[in-house]
Amino acid sequence: MKIHALLAASCIAASICAQASNPLQPVELSDQELSQLRGRFVMPGHIVHFGVTMSSVWENASGQVLAGAVHMQASEGMFQPQFNVSTITRNGDHSAPPAGSGQIQGGEGLSSINGVAQSVRAAGDFNSASNNFVINVKRGGSAPNTANTGQQFANQIEATQAGNVQISASDGGFRIAINALGQGSSLQQLGGGGLQQHANIGGAGNMVRNLTALDVLLRDTPVPASSIGANLDHLRALRPAGY
């Protein structure tokens, strides 16, 4: 019996010594463990407002404009998210510019990229194009007014002599596609786990702007007094003796 007790005590002591030899020894995480990690989270009820705004604008050399926008708003107290769409077309003071002769080749694989995919391809002169994706996170305040101008979301096409703007639902999200006749095309699509922003320009003197913005408003909650007291107690324990 004494031998068994001595062996058990020896094993426990060896285990304690092994663990206490270097208690800060780093441990490498496996790929499976890393795949389960996530970034910072927000507790339920802390999000006051969440919105997505997607807009596309194409203006050619004659001042003709093709534009479309989608607004999604979800605020505290709303029964369901609100979707609105709007289009803007302007024929300008002159006739449509001559069709461009530039040829854009390739790019078929861009539509199969996961995450955020952005591209600008221009085969003409004096063009300007940009794809922007913005995330705005703010604290405090109240939810903005969700009464957006525009119509309730529905598949919609607006056509003019300069081209057409098509807004439609796609892959659980929505998309804005602009076909500028003789000048090129642009596409914005959000859904299916990714964001696509593309501009293909074959003419000259065009201006293309694609923008997607995510807005998050968090409730600015004060730190509880009990939490402040606990932090002060920890600081007192770290003070050198005599202070």
Protein backbone atom coordinates (compact mmCIF):
# COMPACT_ATOMS: atom_id res chain seq x y z
CA MET A 1 0.00 0.00 0.00
CA LYS A 2 2.82 2.35 0.88
CA ILE A 3 4.53 1.51 -2.43
CA HIS A 4 1.37 2.36 -4.40
CA ALA A 5 0.96 5.65 -2.54
CA LEU A 6 4.63 6.51 -3.12
CA LEU A 7 4.33 5.81 -6.85
CA ALA A 8 1.17 7.94 -7.14
CA ALA A 9 2.81 10.80 -5.26
CA SER A 10 5.87 10.57 -7.50
CA CYS A 11 3.74 10.76 -10.67
CA ILE A 12 1.79 13.78 -9.37
CA ALA A 13 4.99 15.56 -8.38
CA ALA A 14 6.57 14.89 -11.77
CA SER A 15 3.48 16.23 -13.51
CA ILE A 16 3.45 19.40 -11.41
CA CYS A 17 7.15 20.01 -12.00
CA ALA A 18 6.74 19.51 -15.75
CA GLN A 19 3.90 22.02 -15.89
CA ALA A 20 5.59 24.51 -13.60
CA SER A 21 8.92 24.39 -15.45
CA ASN A 22 7.66 26.91 -18.03
CA PRO A 23 4.02 27.92 -17.49
CA LEU A 24 4.24 30.54 -20.29
CA GLN A 25 5.31 28.06 -22.96
CA PRO A 26 3.39 29.01 -26.14
CA VAL A 27 1.21 26.37 -27.72
CA GLU A 28 0.79 26.28 -31.48
CA LEU A 29 -2.84 26.14 -32.63
CA SER A 30 -3.83 23.77 -35.39
CA ASP A 31 -5.44 24.95 -38.62
CA GLN A 32 -8.73 23.46 -37.47
CA GLU A 33 -8.65 25.50 -34.25
CA LEU A 34 -7.72 28.66 -36.13
CA SER A 35 -10.61 28.17 -38.55
CA GLN A 36 -13.04 28.45 -35.62
CA LEU A 37 -11.69 31.80 -34.41
CA ARG A 38 -13.57 34.99 -35.19
CA GLY A 39 -12.92 38.68 -34.78
CA ARG A 40 -14.44 41.00 -32.21
CA PHE A 41 -18.14 40.58 -31.63
CA VAL A 42 -21.01 42.83 -30.63
CA MET A 43 -23.49 41.80 -27.97
CA PRO A 44 -27.18 41.56 -28.97
CA GLY A 45 -29.00 44.86 -28.64
CA HIS A 46 -25.87 46.97 -29.14
CA ILE A 47 -26.47 47.55 -32.86
CA VAL A 48 -28.81 50.52 -33.30
CA HIS A 49 -28.60 50.79 -37.07
CA PHE A 50 -27.14 48.86 -40.00
CA GLY A 51 -27.25 50.10 -43.58
CA VAL A 52 -25.86 49.31 -47.02
CA THR A 53 -25.71 51.84 -49.84
CA MET A 54 -24.63 50.86 -53.34
CA SER A 55 -24.42 53.43 -56.14
CA SER A 56 -23.08 53.45 -59.70
CA VAL A 57 -22.66 56.50 -61.95
CA TRP A 58 -21.57 56.64 -65.59
CA GLU A 59 -21.13 59.97 -67.38
CA ASN A 60 -19.94 60.09 -70.97
CA ALA A 61 -18.11 62.83 -72.87
CA SER A 62 -21.40 64.49 -73.90
CA GLY A 63 -22.56 64.92 -70.31
CA GLN A 64 -25.14 62.13 -70.51
CA VAL A 65 -25.57 60.35 -67.18
CA LEU A 66 -26.66 56.85 -66.25
CA ALA A 67 -26.89 56.17 -62.52
CA GLY A 68 -28.56 53.82 -60.08
CA ALA A 69 -28.56 53.28 -56.31
CA VAL A 70 -29.80 50.71 -53.80
CA HIS A 71 -30.36 51.51 -50.11
CA MET A 72 -30.85 48.86 -47.43
CA GLN A 73 -31.65 50.06 -43.91
CA ALA A 74 -32.21 48.04 -40.74
CA SER A 75 -32.75 49.97 -37.51
CA GLU A 76 -33.72 49.09 -33.97
CA GLY A 77 -37.45 48.51 -33.73
CA MET A 78 -37.98 47.80 -37.43
CA PHE A 79 -40.00 44.69 -38.25
CA GLN A 80 -37.86 43.93 -41.32
CA PRO A 81 -35.11 45.66 -43.34
CA GLN A 82 -36.19 48.35 -45.79
CA PHE A 83 -34.97 48.35 -49.40
CA ASN A 84 -35.23 51.29 -51.79
CA VAL A 85 -33.92 51.85 -55.30
CA SER A 86 -33.47 54.98 -57.37
CA THR A 87 -32.22 55.73 -60.88
CA ILE A 88 -31.00 58.92 -62.51
CA THR A 89 -30.73 59.45 -66.25
CA ARG A 90 -29.76 62.67 -68.03
CA ASN A 91 -29.48 63.10 -71.77
CA GLY A 92 -27.30 66.18 -71.59
CA ASP A 93 -27.15 68.99 -74.13
CA HIS A 94 -25.56 67.04 -76.96
CA SER A 95 -26.11 63.81 -78.83
CA ALA A 96 -24.38 60.64 -77.73
CA PRO A 97 -20.65 60.55 -78.46
CA PRO A 98 -19.37 58.24 -81.20
CA ALA A 99 -18.90 54.63 -80.20
CA GLY A 100 -15.44 53.73 -78.98
CA SER A 101 -13.23 51.36 -80.91
CA GLY A 102 -11.33 49.95 -77.94
CA GLN A 103 -11.48 46.20 -77.38
CA ILE A 104 -11.32 44.66 -73.88
CA GLN A 105 -10.24 41.03 -73.75
CA GLY A 106 -10.28 38.43 -70.96
CA GLY A 107 -11.45 38.90 -67.39
CA GLU A 108 -13.82 35.93 -67.32
CA GLY A 109 -12.41 34.71 -64.01
CA LEU A 110 -13.19 37.94 -62.15
CA SER A 111 -16.79 36.88 -61.52
CA SER A 112 -15.71 33.72 -59.68
CA ILE A 113 -13.56 35.45 -57.03
CA ASN A 114 -14.70 35.08 -53.42
CA GLY A 115 -14.67 38.13 -51.16
CA VAL A 116 -14.12 41.55 -52.72
CA ALA A 117 -13.20 41.76 -56.42
CA GLN A 118 -12.53 45.13 -58.09
CA SER A 119 -11.35 45.87 -61.60
CA VAL A 120 -11.01 48.82 -63.97
CA ARG A 121 -10.17 48.07 -67.58
CA ALA A 122 -10.03 50.88 -70.11
CA ALA A 123 -9.22 50.67 -73.82
CA GLY A 124 -9.93 54.33 -74.61
CA ASP A 125 -8.44 57.74 -73.83
CA PHE A 126 -9.15 60.40 -71.19
CA ASN A 127 -11.27 58.10 -68.98
CA SER A 128 -11.64 58.19 -65.21
CA ALA A 129 -12.92 55.28 -63.10
CA SER A 130 -12.92 54.17 -59.47
CA ASN A 131 -14.28 51.35 -57.29
CA ASN A 132 -14.67 52.16 -53.60
CA PHE A 133 -15.76 50.01 -50.65
CA VAL A 134 -16.20 51.85 -47.33
CA ILE A 135 -17.11 50.57 -43.85
CA ASN A 136 -18.23 53.19 -41.31
CA VAL A 137 -18.63 52.18 -37.65
CA LYS A 138 -19.86 54.82 -35.21
CA ARG A 139 -20.97 54.90 -31.58
CA GLY A 140 -23.69 56.87 -29.89
CA GLY A 141 -26.54 58.87 -31.31
CA SER A 142 -29.81 57.61 -32.68
CA ALA A 143 -30.65 55.73 -35.84
CA PRO A 144 -30.95 57.96 -38.93
CA ASN A 145 -34.23 58.52 -40.70
CA THR A 146 -34.83 55.48 -42.93
CA ALA A 147 -37.39 57.22 -45.14
CA ASN A 148 -35.21 57.14 -48.25
CA THR A 149 -36.33 58.75 -51.45
CA GLY A 150 -36.95 56.29 -54.24
CA GLN A 151 -39.10 53.26 -54.86
CA GLN A 152 -39.38 49.99 -53.02
CA PHE A 153 -36.92 47.43 -54.28
CA ALA A 154 -37.94 45.65 -57.47
CA ASN A 155 -36.23 44.58 -60.67
CA GLN A 156 -36.07 47.71 -62.76
CA ILE A 157 -34.57 48.95 -66.04
CA GLU A 158 -34.21 52.58 -67.12
CA ALA A 159 -33.19 53.16 -70.74
CA THR A 160 -32.14 56.31 -72.63
CA GLN A 161 -30.27 57.05 -75.83
CA ALA A 162 -27.04 56.82 -73.84
CA GLY A 163 -27.72 53.28 -72.58
CA ASN A 164 -29.57 51.62 -69.71
CA VAL A 165 -29.38 51.04 -65.96
CA GLN A 166 -30.58 47.70 -64.59
CA ILE A 167 -31.19 47.06 -60.89
CA SER A 168 -32.08 43.50 -59.92
CA ALA A 169 -31.91 40.88 -57.19
CA SER A 170 -29.07 38.40 -57.59
CA ASP A 171 -27.76 35.46 -55.55
CA GLY A 172 -29.44 36.53 -52.32
CA GLY A 173 -28.31 40.14 -52.77
CA PHE A 174 -28.65 42.84 -55.40
CA ARG A 175 -26.79 44.24 -58.40
CA ILE A 176 -26.52 47.41 -60.47
CA ALA A 177 -25.51 46.97 -64.09
CA ILE A 178 -24.94 49.90 -66.47
CA ASN A 179 -24.62 49.46 -70.22
CA ALA A 180 -23.33 52.68 -71.76
CA LEU A 181 -24.01 52.20 -75.47
CA GLY A 182 -20.80 52.31 -77.47
CA GLN A 183 -18.75 53.26 -74.38
CA GLY A 184 -18.62 50.20 -72.13
CA SER A 185 -20.28 48.73 -69.05
CA SER A 186 -20.06 48.65 -65.28
CA LEU A 187 -21.27 46.20 -62.65
CA GLN A 188 -21.73 46.19 -58.90
CA GLN A 189 -23.03 43.08 -57.17
CA LEU A 190 -23.35 42.30 -53.47
CA GLY A 191 -24.40 38.82 -52.39
CA GLY A 192 -23.31 35.21 -52.40
CA GLY A 193 -20.60 35.96 -49.86
CA GLY A 194 -18.82 38.58 -51.94
CA LEU A 195 -18.74 42.01 -53.54
CA GLN A 196 -18.05 42.60 -57.23
CA GLN A 197 -17.13 46.04 -58.63
CA HIS A 198 -16.08 46.26 -62.27
CA ALA A 199 -15.77 48.95 -64.95
CA ASN A 200 -15.00 48.13 -68.59
CA ILE A 201 -14.50 51.20 -70.79
CA GLY A 202 -14.06 51.04 -74.56
CA GLY A 203 -14.74 54.69 -75.44
CA ALA A 204 -13.13 58.00 -74.55
CA GLY A 205 -13.89 60.78 -72.05
CA ASN A 206 -16.01 58.68 -69.67
CA MET A 207 -16.27 58.99 -65.90
CA VAL A 208 -17.33 55.90 -63.90
CA ARG A 209 -17.84 55.73 -60.13
CA ASN A 210 -18.83 52.59 -58.19
CA LEU A 211 -19.35 52.92 -54.44
CA THR A 212 -20.55 50.51 -51.76
CA ALA A 213 -20.79 51.72 -48.15
CA LEU A 214 -21.63 49.75 -44.99
CA ASP A 215 -22.78 51.86 -42.04
CA VAL A 216 -23.01 50.47 -38.50
CA LEU A 217 -24.18 52.49 -35.50
CA LEU A 218 -23.49 50.99 -32.06
CA ARG A 219 -25.17 51.89 -28.81
CA ASP A 220 -22.77 53.87 -26.64
CA THR A 221 -23.28 52.09 -23.29
CA PRO A 222 -21.40 53.37 -20.20
CA VAL A 223 -19.05 51.04 -18.32
CA PRO A 224 -20.77 49.61 -15.18
CA ALA A 225 -19.46 50.93 -11.86
CA SER A 226 -18.81 47.35 -10.67
CA SER A 227 -16.43 46.80 -13.59
CA ILE A 228 -14.55 50.02 -12.82
CA GLY A 229 -14.18 48.97 -9.16
CA ALA A 230 -12.76 45.58 -10.13
CA ASN A 231 -10.19 47.21 -12.42
CA LEU A 232 -9.10 49.59 -9.66
CA ASP A 233 -8.62 46.65 -7.26
CA HIS A 234 -6.30 44.99 -9.77
CA LEU A 235 -4.28 48.20 -10.10
CA ARG A 236 -3.93 48.53 -6.32
CA ALA A 237 -2.48 45.02 -6.13
CA LEU A 238 0.18 45.96 -8.69
CA ARG A 239 1.39 49.06 -6.79
CA PRO A 240 4.82 48.74 -5.08
CA ALA A 241 4.78 48.45 -1.31
CA GLY A 242 4.92 51.77 0.54
CA TYR A 243 2.87 53.79 -1.97
